[in-house]
Protein backbone atom coordinates (compact mmCIF):
# COMPACT_ATOMS: atom_id res chain seq x y z
CA UNK A 1 90.82 47.57 139.51
CA UNK A 2 92.93 46.62 142.50
CA UNK A 3 91.02 46.12 145.74
CA UNK A 4 93.48 48.18 147.81
CA UNK A 5 92.34 51.36 146.13
CA UNK A 6 88.86 50.23 145.36
CA UNK A 7 85.65 52.14 145.66
CA UNK A 8 85.37 53.27 149.24
CA UNK A 9 81.67 54.26 149.06
CA UNK A 10 80.80 50.59 148.64
CA UNK A 11 83.25 49.40 151.23
CA UNK A 12 80.79 48.55 153.99
CA UNK A 13 77.58 48.13 152.01
CA UNK A 14 77.48 44.47 152.90
CA UNK A 15 77.77 45.17 156.59
CA UNK A 16 74.83 47.52 156.42
CA UNK A 17 72.55 45.41 154.29
CA UNK A 18 73.28 41.85 155.44
CA UNK A 19 73.19 42.50 159.17
CA UNK A 20 69.63 42.27 160.30
CA UNK A 21 70.76 43.25 163.75
CA UNK A 22 72.74 46.27 162.51
CA UNK A 23 72.04 49.08 164.99
CA UNK A 24 72.14 52.61 163.49
CA UNK A 25 71.63 54.20 166.93
CA UNK A 26 74.64 52.33 168.33
CA UNK A 27 76.73 53.25 165.26
CA UNK A 28 75.88 56.94 165.39
CA UNK A 29 76.57 56.98 169.15
CA UNK A 30 80.07 55.60 168.55
CA UNK A 31 80.59 58.10 165.70
CA UNK A 32 79.36 60.94 167.90
CA UNK A 33 81.66 59.96 170.77
CA UNK A 34 84.66 59.92 168.46
CA UNK A 35 83.79 63.30 166.93
CA UNK A 36 83.25 64.86 170.38
CA UNK A 37 86.60 63.58 171.73
CA UNK A 38 88.58 64.63 168.67
CA UNK A 39 86.95 68.06 168.51
CA UNK A 40 87.91 68.59 172.17
CA UNK A 41 91.51 67.59 171.30
CA UNK A 42 91.56 69.94 168.29
CA UNK A 43 90.27 72.90 170.32
CA UNK A 44 92.84 72.26 173.08
CA UNK A 45 95.64 71.97 170.52
CA UNK A 46 94.66 75.19 168.74
CA UNK A 47 95.44 77.55 171.62
CA UNK A 48 99.01 78.18 170.46
CA UNK A 49 98.37 78.59 166.73
CA UNK A 50 99.88 82.05 166.26
CA UNK A 51 102.52 81.84 163.51
CA UNK A 52 102.86 80.15 160.14
CA UNK A 53 105.18 77.57 161.73
CA UNK A 54 102.46 76.81 164.32
CA UNK A 55 99.73 76.43 161.70
CA UNK A 56 101.66 74.51 159.02
CA UNK A 57 104.17 72.55 161.10
CA UNK A 58 102.61 72.44 164.59
CA UNK A 59 105.41 74.64 165.88
CA UNK A 60 107.77 71.69 165.20
CA UNK A 61 106.81 70.51 168.67
CA UNK A 62 106.19 66.77 168.16
CA UNK A 63 108.64 64.05 169.14
CA UNK A 64 109.71 61.30 166.77
CA UNK A 65 107.40 58.64 168.28
CA UNK A 66 104.42 61.03 168.29
CA UNK A 67 105.06 61.97 164.69
CA UNK A 68 105.52 58.29 163.82
CA UNK A 69 102.01 57.56 165.11
CA UNK A 70 100.70 60.57 163.17
CA UNK A 71 102.39 59.38 159.96
CA UNK A 72 100.84 55.95 160.46
CA UNK A 73 97.48 57.64 161.01
CA UNK A 74 97.95 59.65 157.82
CA UNK A 75 99.15 56.69 155.75
CA UNK A 76 96.78 53.88 156.75
CA UNK A 77 93.70 54.99 154.84
CA UNK A 78 90.31 53.31 154.96
CA UNK A 79 90.79 52.11 151.40
CA UNK A 80 93.95 50.27 152.45
CA UNK A 81 92.38 48.77 155.57
CA UNK A 82 89.20 47.58 153.90
CA UNK A 83 90.71 46.77 150.52
CA UNK A 84 93.73 44.76 151.64
CA UNK A 85 91.68 42.54 153.97
CA UNK A 86 89.27 41.88 151.09
CA UNK A 87 92.11 41.24 148.66
CA UNK A 88 93.64 38.60 150.94
CA UNK A 89 90.23 37.05 151.68
CA UNK A 90 89.58 36.46 147.96
CA UNK A 91 93.04 36.23 146.42
CA UNK A 92 95.23 35.09 149.29
CA UNK A 93 98.94 35.45 148.51
CA UNK A 94 98.42 37.98 145.71
CA UNK A 95 96.36 40.16 148.06
CA UNK A 96 99.11 40.15 150.69
CA UNK A 97 101.54 41.52 148.09
CA UNK A 98 99.77 44.88 148.51
CA UNK A 99 100.74 44.96 152.18
CA UNK A 100 104.34 44.20 151.29
CA UNK A 101 104.36 46.94 148.64
CA UNK A 102 103.02 49.59 151.02
CA UNK A 103 105.56 48.66 153.69
CA UNK A 104 108.56 48.60 151.33
CA UNK A 105 107.50 52.07 150.19
CA UNK A 106 108.40 53.38 153.64
CA UNK A 107 111.95 52.12 153.31
CA UNK A 108 112.28 54.28 150.19
CA UNK A 109 110.96 57.27 152.13
CA UNK A 110 113.33 56.64 155.05
CA UNK A 111 116.46 55.99 153.01
CA UNK A 112 116.06 58.58 150.27
CA UNK A 113 114.01 61.58 151.38
CA UNK A 114 112.97 61.86 155.06
CA UNK A 115 116.05 63.41 156.66
CA UNK A 116 117.15 65.39 153.59
CA UNK A 117 113.69 66.91 153.14
CA UNK A 118 113.56 67.92 156.81
CA UNK A 119 116.97 69.60 156.60
CA UNK A 120 116.29 71.50 153.38
CA UNK A 121 112.65 72.54 153.57
CA UNK A 122 110.52 74.80 155.67
CA UNK A 123 106.82 74.00 155.25
CA UNK A 124 106.15 72.34 151.86
CA UNK A 125 107.71 70.11 149.23
CA UNK A 126 108.22 73.14 146.97
CA UNK A 127 110.62 74.65 149.54
CA UNK A 128 113.04 71.84 148.73
CA UNK A 129 112.51 71.86 144.98
CA UNK A 130 112.98 75.62 144.65
CA UNK A 131 115.99 75.86 146.99
CA UNK A 132 118.58 76.08 144.20
CA UNK A 133 116.34 76.49 141.14
CA UNK A 134 114.41 79.43 139.71
CA UNK A 135 111.79 79.88 142.39
CA UNK A 136 108.57 80.99 140.72
CA UNK A 137 108.15 78.38 137.92
CA UNK A 138 109.27 75.54 140.19
CA UNK A 139 106.98 76.57 143.07
CA UNK A 140 104.04 76.92 140.68
CA UNK A 141 104.62 73.46 139.17
CA UNK A 142 105.13 71.86 142.59
CA UNK A 143 101.99 73.52 143.96
CA UNK A 144 99.93 72.29 140.98
CA UNK A 145 101.10 68.68 141.36
CA UNK A 146 100.53 68.88 145.13
CA UNK A 147 96.99 70.21 144.67
CA UNK A 148 96.30 67.51 142.04
CA UNK A 149 97.41 64.69 144.34
CA UNK A 150 95.54 66.10 147.33
CA UNK A 151 92.33 66.84 145.43
CA UNK A 152 91.97 63.40 143.87
CA UNK A 153 92.83 61.72 147.17
CA UNK A 154 90.29 63.98 148.88
CA UNK A 155 87.53 63.03 146.44
CA UNK A 156 88.03 59.33 147.12
CA UNK A 157 88.03 59.83 150.89
CA UNK A 158 84.99 62.12 150.85
CA UNK A 159 82.99 59.72 148.73
CA UNK A 160 84.14 56.90 151.01
CA UNK A 161 83.01 58.79 154.09
CA UNK A 162 79.60 59.45 152.58
CA UNK A 163 79.09 55.83 151.62
CA UNK A 164 80.40 54.48 154.91
CA UNK A 165 78.24 56.58 157.21
CA UNK A 166 75.16 56.55 154.98
CA UNK A 167 75.06 52.79 154.66
CA UNK A 168 75.75 52.10 158.33
CA UNK A 169 73.00 54.48 159.35
CA UNK A 170 70.63 52.98 156.84
CA UNK A 171 70.51 56.04 154.55
CA UNK A 172 70.07 54.85 150.96
CA UNK A 173 68.61 57.91 149.21
CA UNK A 174 71.00 60.01 147.13
CA UNK A 175 70.04 63.22 148.93
CA UNK A 176 70.63 61.63 152.33
CA UNK A 177 74.10 60.45 151.29
CA UNK A 178 74.87 63.91 149.94
CA UNK A 179 73.91 65.42 153.33
CA UNK A 180 76.35 63.00 155.01
CA UNK A 181 79.13 64.13 152.63
CA UNK A 182 78.36 67.75 153.55
CA UNK A 183 78.54 66.93 157.28
CA UNK A 184 81.89 65.16 156.84
CA UNK A 185 83.21 68.07 154.78
CA UNK A 186 82.12 70.62 157.38
CA UNK A 187 83.76 68.58 160.14
CA UNK A 188 86.97 68.43 158.11
CA UNK A 189 86.93 72.22 157.60
CA UNK A 190 86.34 72.83 161.31
CA UNK A 191 89.18 70.49 162.33
CA UNK A 192 91.72 72.16 160.05
CA UNK A 193 90.52 75.75 160.56
CA UNK A 194 90.66 75.49 164.34
CA UNK A 195 93.46 73.03 164.93
CA UNK A 196 95.88 73.57 162.05
CA UNK A 197 98.64 70.97 161.80
CA UNK A 198 98.80 70.49 165.58
CA UNK A 199 95.11 69.58 165.89
CA UNK A 200 95.29 67.44 162.72
CA UNK A 201 98.33 65.60 164.08
CA UNK A 202 96.59 64.71 167.36
CA UNK A 203 93.55 63.43 165.43
CA UNK A 204 95.89 61.23 163.38
CA UNK A 205 97.61 59.92 166.52
CA UNK A 206 94.24 58.99 168.10
CA UNK A 207 93.12 57.37 164.85
CA UNK A 208 96.32 55.31 164.61
CA UNK A 209 95.78 53.98 168.15
CA UNK A 210 92.16 53.09 167.32
CA UNK A 211 92.89 51.44 163.96
CA UNK A 212 95.89 49.40 165.09
CA UNK A 213 94.16 48.57 168.39
CA UNK A 214 91.01 47.42 166.59
CA UNK A 215 93.06 45.32 164.18
CA UNK A 216 94.97 43.71 167.08
CA UNK A 217 91.70 42.81 168.88
CA UNK A 218 90.24 41.24 165.72
CA UNK A 219 93.49 39.39 164.99
CA UNK A 220 93.68 37.88 168.49
CA UNK A 221 90.00 36.92 168.21
CA UNK A 222 90.52 35.17 164.87
CA UNK A 223 93.61 33.35 166.13
CA UNK A 224 91.78 32.29 169.33
CA UNK A 225 89.02 30.72 167.23
CA UNK A 226 91.75 28.76 165.40
CA UNK A 227 93.62 27.69 168.51
CA UNK A 228 96.29 30.36 168.01
CA UNK A 229 97.60 28.31 165.10
CA UNK A 230 98.29 30.08 161.82
CA UNK A 231 98.37 26.68 160.12
CA UNK A 232 94.83 25.91 161.33
CA UNK A 233 93.65 29.31 160.10
CA UNK A 234 95.15 28.73 156.65
CA UNK A 235 93.55 25.26 156.50
CA UNK A 236 90.17 26.82 157.35
CA UNK A 237 90.65 29.46 154.66
CA UNK A 238 91.57 26.78 152.09
CA UNK A 239 88.51 24.74 153.07
CA UNK A 240 86.24 27.76 152.51
CA UNK A 241 88.01 28.78 149.28
CA UNK A 242 86.09 28.74 145.99
CA UNK A 243 89.20 28.55 143.80
CA UNK A 244 90.22 25.52 141.76
CA UNK A 245 92.33 24.06 143.27
CA UNK A 246 91.31 25.28 146.71
CA UNK A 247 94.86 25.81 147.93
CA UNK A 248 95.56 28.29 145.10
CA UNK A 249 95.01 31.11 147.63
CA UNK A 250 98.29 30.07 149.34
CA UNK A 251 100.41 30.65 146.23
CA UNK A 252 101.07 33.45 143.74
CA UNK A 253 99.26 34.08 140.48
CA UNK A 254 95.60 33.92 141.47
CA UNK A 255 94.91 37.57 140.69
CA UNK A 256 97.83 38.64 138.53
CA UNK A 257 98.80 35.40 136.79
CA UNK A 258 97.17 36.54 133.55
CA UNK A 259 98.54 40.09 133.51
CA UNK A 260 101.62 40.47 135.68
CA UNK A 261 102.45 43.81 134.00
CA UNK A 262 99.42 45.34 135.70
CA UNK A 263 100.74 44.34 139.10
CA UNK A 264 104.28 45.52 138.28
CA UNK A 265 102.93 48.89 137.13
CA UNK A 266 100.86 49.33 140.29
CA UNK A 267 103.70 48.15 142.55
CA UNK A 268 106.11 50.68 141.06
CA UNK A 269 103.59 53.48 141.62
CA UNK A 270 102.85 52.49 145.23
CA UNK A 271 106.47 51.89 146.27
CA UNK A 272 107.81 55.07 144.66
CA UNK A 273 104.70 57.23 145.08
CA UNK A 274 104.75 57.14 148.86
CA UNK A 275 108.05 59.05 148.98
CA UNK A 276 106.44 61.74 146.83
CA UNK A 277 103.08 62.09 148.57
CA UNK A 278 102.95 65.76 149.69
CA UNK A 279 100.80 65.15 152.79
CA UNK A 280 103.29 62.51 153.99
CA UNK A 281 106.32 64.72 153.20
CA UNK A 282 104.79 67.60 155.19
CA UNK A 283 104.84 65.45 158.30
CA UNK A 284 108.64 65.62 158.37
CA UNK A 285 108.43 69.35 159.20
CA UNK A 286 106.45 68.86 162.43
CA UNK A 287 109.51 67.64 164.35
CA UNK A 288 112.28 69.90 165.71
CA UNK A 289 115.32 68.15 164.22
CA UNK A 290 116.40 65.81 161.44
CA UNK A 291 117.16 63.17 164.06
CA UNK A 292 113.52 63.26 165.18
CA UNK A 293 112.45 63.05 161.52
CA UNK A 294 114.46 59.82 161.21
CA UNK A 295 112.97 58.49 164.46
CA UNK A 296 109.45 59.31 163.29
CA UNK A 297 109.88 57.34 160.06
CA UNK A 298 111.35 54.37 161.94
CA UNK A 299 108.36 54.41 164.32
CA UNK A 300 106.01 54.69 161.35
CA UNK A 301 107.63 51.68 159.66
CA UNK A 302 107.19 49.55 162.80
CA UNK A 303 103.56 50.61 163.27
CA UNK A 304 102.63 50.27 159.61
CA UNK A 305 104.54 46.99 159.37
CA UNK A 306 102.66 45.61 162.40
CA UNK A 307 99.35 46.65 160.87
CA UNK A 308 100.07 45.03 157.51
CA UNK A 309 101.15 41.80 159.21
CA UNK A 310 97.80 41.82 161.00
CA UNK A 311 96.01 42.11 157.65
CA UNK A 312 97.34 38.63 156.78
CA UNK A 313 95.39 37.10 159.68
CA UNK A 314 92.35 39.33 159.12
CA UNK A 315 92.23 38.57 155.40
CA UNK A 316 92.48 34.79 155.73
CA UNK A 317 90.17 35.03 158.76
CA UNK A 318 87.53 36.77 156.67
CA UNK A 319 87.94 34.11 153.98
CA UNK A 320 87.47 31.34 156.55
CA UNK A 321 84.71 32.82 158.75
CA UNK A 322 82.72 34.92 156.28
CA UNK A 323 83.59 32.88 153.14
CA UNK A 324 84.44 34.31 149.68
CA UNK A 325 80.95 33.70 148.29
CA UNK A 326 79.30 35.86 150.96
CA UNK A 327 81.92 38.59 150.46
CA UNK A 328 81.45 38.58 146.67
CA UNK A 329 77.66 38.54 146.93
CA UNK A 330 77.60 41.47 149.35
CA UNK A 331 76.82 44.81 147.69
CA UNK A 332 80.20 46.09 148.85
CA UNK A 333 81.99 43.19 147.20
CA UNK A 334 85.65 42.68 148.08
CA UNK A 335 85.78 45.72 150.37
CA UNK A 336 83.09 44.40 152.71
CA UNK A 337 85.38 41.69 154.12
CA UNK A 338 86.68 43.61 157.18
CA UNK A 339 83.31 44.87 158.47
CA UNK A 340 81.70 41.48 157.76
CA UNK A 341 84.48 39.82 159.76
CA UNK A 342 83.89 42.29 162.62
CA UNK A 343 80.18 41.44 162.52
CA UNK A 344 80.89 37.69 162.49
CA UNK A 345 83.22 38.00 165.48
CA UNK A 346 81.51 40.50 167.75
CA UNK A 347 78.11 41.31 166.31
CA UNK A 348 76.79 44.88 165.99
CA UNK A 349 79.02 46.28 168.76
CA UNK A 350 82.31 45.32 167.08
CA UNK A 351 80.85 46.22 163.68
CA UNK A 352 80.00 49.68 165.03
CA UNK A 353 83.48 50.11 166.51
CA UNK A 354 85.33 49.02 163.36
CA UNK A 355 83.08 51.23 161.24
CA UNK A 356 83.76 54.17 163.55
CA UNK A 357 87.48 53.45 163.21
CA UNK A 358 87.12 53.47 159.41
CA UNK A 359 85.28 56.80 159.71
CA UNK A 360 88.03 58.12 161.99
CA UNK A 361 90.54 56.99 159.40
CA UNK A 362 88.82 59.00 156.68
CA UNK A 363 88.57 62.13 158.86
CA UNK A 364 92.26 61.98 159.77
CA UNK A 365 93.35 61.50 156.16
CA UNK A 366 91.14 64.27 154.75
CA UNK A 367 92.34 66.68 157.45
CA UNK A 368 95.97 65.96 156.56
CA UNK A 369 95.28 66.34 152.83
CA UNK A 370 93.39 69.61 153.33
CA UNK A 371 96.08 71.33 155.38
CA UNK A 372 98.72 70.18 152.88
CA UNK A 373 96.77 71.62 149.96
CA UNK A 374 96.09 74.87 151.86
CA UNK A 375 99.77 75.24 152.80
CA UNK A 376 100.81 74.63 149.21
CA UNK A 377 98.51 77.34 147.88
CA UNK A 378 99.11 79.92 150.61
CA UNK A 379 102.85 79.38 151.07
CA UNK A 380 103.95 78.50 147.53
CA UNK A 381 101.55 80.32 145.21
CA UNK A 382 100.33 83.28 147.28
CA UNK A 383 103.36 84.11 149.45
CA UNK A 384 106.20 83.21 147.08
CA UNK A 385 104.79 83.53 143.55
CA UNK A 386 102.16 86.28 143.85
CA UNK A 387 103.75 88.30 146.66
CA UNK A 388 107.36 87.25 145.81
CA UNK A 389 108.11 86.45 149.45
CA UNK A 390 107.07 89.87 150.75
CA UNK A 391 104.20 88.85 152.97
CA UNK A 392 103.52 88.92 156.69
CA UNK A 393 103.25 85.46 158.34
CA UNK A 394 99.80 86.21 159.78
CA UNK A 395 98.57 87.26 156.30
CA UNK A 396 99.82 83.96 154.91
CA UNK A 397 97.97 82.01 157.60
CA UNK A 398 94.76 83.97 156.86
CA UNK A 399 95.04 82.98 153.18
CA UNK A 400 95.66 79.37 154.24
CA UNK A 401 92.50 79.38 156.37
CA UNK A 402 90.44 80.80 153.50
CA UNK A 403 91.95 78.19 151.20
CA UNK A 404 90.84 75.46 153.62
CA UNK A 405 87.24 76.62 153.22
CA UNK A 406 87.51 76.70 149.40
CA UNK A 407 89.13 73.25 149.27
CA UNK A 408 86.52 71.91 151.69
CA UNK A 409 83.66 73.21 149.54
CA UNK A 410 85.24 71.77 146.37
CA UNK A 411 85.79 68.42 148.13
CA UNK A 412 82.15 68.38 149.26
CA UNK A 413 80.87 69.12 145.74
CA UNK A 414 83.25 66.58 144.23
CA UNK A 415 82.35 63.96 146.83
CA UNK A 416 78.66 64.43 146.06
CA UNK A 417 79.42 64.20 142.33
CA UNK A 418 81.22 60.85 142.57
CA UNK A 419 78.74 59.20 144.97
CA UNK A 420 78.04 55.63 143.91
CA UNK A 421 80.76 55.61 141.24
CA UNK A 422 83.95 53.60 141.15
CA UNK A 423 86.38 56.10 142.64
CA UNK A 424 89.36 53.75 142.54
CA UNK A 425 90.95 55.82 139.79
CA UNK A 426 91.20 58.78 142.19
CA UNK A 427 93.45 56.89 144.61
CA UNK A 428 95.47 55.34 141.77
CA UNK A 429 95.88 58.77 140.21
CA UNK A 430 97.12 60.29 143.47
CA UNK A 431 99.88 57.68 143.78
CA UNK A 432 100.71 57.79 140.08
CA UNK A 433 101.03 61.60 140.08
CA UNK A 434 103.18 61.54 143.22
CA UNK A 435 105.51 58.92 141.73
CA UNK A 436 105.59 60.41 138.22
CA UNK A 437 105.77 64.15 138.92
CA UNK A 438 107.00 64.70 142.46
CA UNK A 439 109.54 61.96 143.17
CA UNK A 440 111.83 62.42 140.12
CA UNK A 441 112.12 66.13 140.85
CA UNK A 442 112.75 65.53 144.57
CA UNK A 443 115.51 62.97 143.92
CA UNK A 444 117.15 65.05 141.20
CA UNK A 445 117.06 68.15 143.42
CA UNK A 446 118.62 66.33 146.35
CA UNK A 447 121.19 64.20 144.53
CA UNK A 448 122.09 65.71 141.11
CA UNK A 449 123.98 69.00 141.05
CA UNK A 450 123.40 69.54 137.31
CA UNK A 451 119.61 69.47 137.67
CA UNK A 452 118.01 72.65 136.26
CA UNK A 453 114.79 74.61 136.43
CA UNK A 454 113.78 73.40 132.97
CA UNK A 455 114.31 69.78 134.07
CA UNK A 456 112.15 70.32 137.16
CA UNK A 457 109.30 71.95 135.25
CA UNK A 458 109.36 69.38 132.44
CA UNK A 459 109.47 66.51 134.92
CA UNK A 460 106.55 67.74 137.04
CA UNK A 461 104.23 68.83 134.24
CA UNK A 462 105.19 65.88 132.03
CA UNK A 463 104.72 63.31 134.77
CA UNK A 464 101.40 64.86 135.77
CA UNK A 465 100.09 64.93 132.18
CA UNK A 466 101.27 61.39 131.39
CA UNK A 467 99.65 59.93 134.52
CA UNK A 468 96.32 61.65 133.91
CA UNK A 469 96.17 60.87 130.17
CA UNK A 470 97.03 57.17 130.60
CA UNK A 471 94.48 56.71 133.39
CA UNK A 472 91.75 58.40 131.31
CA UNK A 473 92.59 56.00 128.44
CA UNK A 474 92.71 52.90 130.69
CA UNK A 475 90.13 50.26 131.77
CA UNK A 476 89.61 52.34 134.92
CA UNK A 477 87.47 54.64 132.76
CA UNK A 478 86.32 52.50 129.82
CA UNK A 479 85.05 49.12 128.78
CA UNK A 480 84.61 46.99 131.91
CA UNK A 481 81.97 46.36 134.55
CA UNK A 482 83.96 48.27 137.17
CA UNK A 483 84.91 51.22 134.92
CA UNK A 484 83.72 54.77 135.60
CA UNK A 485 81.77 54.51 132.33
CA UNK A 486 80.55 50.94 132.73
CA UNK A 487 80.79 48.75 129.62
CA UNK A 488 81.17 51.80 127.38
CA UNK A 489 83.89 52.03 124.73
CA UNK A 490 87.24 50.25 124.75
CA UNK A 491 90.31 51.13 126.74
CA UNK A 492 93.26 52.25 124.60
CA UNK A 493 95.82 51.76 127.42
CA UNK A 494 95.51 48.15 128.69
CA UNK A 495 96.79 48.59 132.27
CA UNK A 496 94.89 49.99 135.25
CA UNK A 497 97.88 51.99 136.48
CA UNK A 498 100.15 54.20 134.34
CA UNK A 499 103.21 53.92 136.61
CA UNK A 500 105.24 51.64 134.37
CA UNK A 501 105.30 54.37 131.69
CA UNK A 502 104.65 57.69 133.47
CA UNK A 503 107.29 57.25 136.21
CA UNK A 504 110.24 56.52 133.87
CA UNK A 505 108.93 59.34 131.66
CA UNK A 506 109.06 61.76 134.62
CA UNK A 507 112.69 60.80 135.29
CA UNK A 508 113.56 61.01 131.59
CA UNK A 509 112.01 64.47 131.17
CA UNK A 510 113.89 65.72 134.23
CA UNK A 511 117.17 64.52 132.70
CA UNK A 512 116.34 65.77 129.18
CA UNK A 513 115.27 69.21 130.40
CA UNK A 514 118.46 69.55 132.43
CA UNK A 515 120.94 68.49 129.73
CA UNK A 516 119.28 70.73 127.13
CA UNK A 517 119.16 73.81 129.39
CA UNK A 518 121.17 76.80 128.19
CA UNK A 519 120.87 78.47 131.61
CA UNK A 520 122.81 76.60 134.27
CA UNK A 521 122.02 76.90 137.95
CA UNK A 522 124.24 78.56 140.56
CA UNK A 523 126.78 75.91 141.71
CA UNK A 524 127.11 77.67 145.07
CA UNK A 525 123.40 77.07 145.82
CA UNK A 526 123.80 73.41 144.84
CA UNK A 527 126.77 73.08 147.18
CA UNK A 528 124.84 74.80 149.98
CA UNK A 529 121.90 72.46 149.46
CA UNK A 530 124.23 69.45 149.64
CA UNK A 531 125.71 70.61 152.94
CA UNK A 532 122.36 71.55 154.44
CA UNK A 533 120.56 68.37 153.35
CA UNK A 534 123.31 66.10 154.68
CA UNK A 535 124.21 67.93 157.89
CA UNK A 536 121.23 70.13 158.73
CA UNK A 537 123.59 73.10 159.11
CA UNK A 538 121.67 76.32 158.51
CA UNK A 539 118.28 74.62 158.42
CA UNK A 540 117.08 75.82 161.82
CA UNK A 541 118.11 79.40 161.07
CA UNK A 542 116.17 79.29 157.79
CA UNK A 543 113.13 77.88 159.55
CA UNK A 544 113.14 80.63 162.16
CA UNK A 545 113.56 83.24 159.44
């Protein structure tokens, strides 16, 4: 499976087990300081959480730059940070292609969905999809795909948090790791219950500063060791390489030369899935205007782009200073590269800081996912499907808060259940579902006037089913050393990611459902959606209503 989405619980095992001078007291002190500061921020931010707009969209009070930092904090997950550095350390050029894919994905989000979603929606993705279609079936389908994406993403992050903290604190027993997962889950519930979107956004902003700041410090350190010469760094990485020939890490094909279809399938899912990730789309509603939504995505692109450029230096730096053999031999494998590099550069202090940043990353991401899932259930299913829109805003927020607790408990139980397993399929599934089910429906709704309710429902359910079925039949589950069921059975579907089939299928089903519909949609609503999405006219009035 690809390193970028690889098993987060193992991500820092090497750092915990190979560092004789690893200091659990120092690590937990750094963790505790971060938790205390962010809890203070969340409590301060929660004082004005009175309406649904306050709880779901932070009262639309954030500026473009602030929201850009929050998007970066939401998007740069621990799996990406740890996995991409490891991928570059071992596979060089092919590993850096992940960084390029993630960054290009933001151009798709900026050009195709950011401003139009902000103009048309209110709180959730389903607001846009149901604007001119039959509301109840479309909201139900959108809520189900949103909950699926969020839940699988949550499982991966929860398991990652448990493994990260447990291993850095020297906790190796299953029950001890389970207790850590519970603590992380409770923290997540507290953050979202108290702070809502406003508190979550400030946590993401702080986390973005920490992660990008930590990466900049490590990058400057690595470059200083190599005389601030990228050429010297690459020569050092080639010298430490275990490939044949050694300079193979500077060219393409090392990882995907044998099966380029696997890389193409994954790349399609990552590039297109980002524009359909519900927790990213929800961030567009926390700004007051469409102009600020555009600014926030531009800021996010610059910040995320800077970070992924830094991974090039960090990855080759880990290959040169830690060496591929040490990384591979570490219990965490490829994902141990970043913490091992931190340990090699700055000893236990830098290791503790980078690990705390990774922990902060997980907390910020799970908080964003949880509030997205809660908003989808409370706003789409409860308020608009069950109550048919006849619900008081405070009642909706109460349901959202209760949903947070339920989702938190399920995430805790799921995180305990997948401890020690390869949870890569959870991250891959989240992106595949977003690209297969959500994005076709979003693009058709925004750009095709003849799109119908049947097309939307077929596209979302069909894309969701195709992605899940193909992943269950793939090597992610069966037949290899890294499969969920290790060395058991044989994979029917040969690729690790279903995107190359499930995404075109989602688009095809949306088209087929629309052209075969006997009931056509109201052309006046389609025209209104066009005007609103392109100009923003009427959007603010709808939001206030």
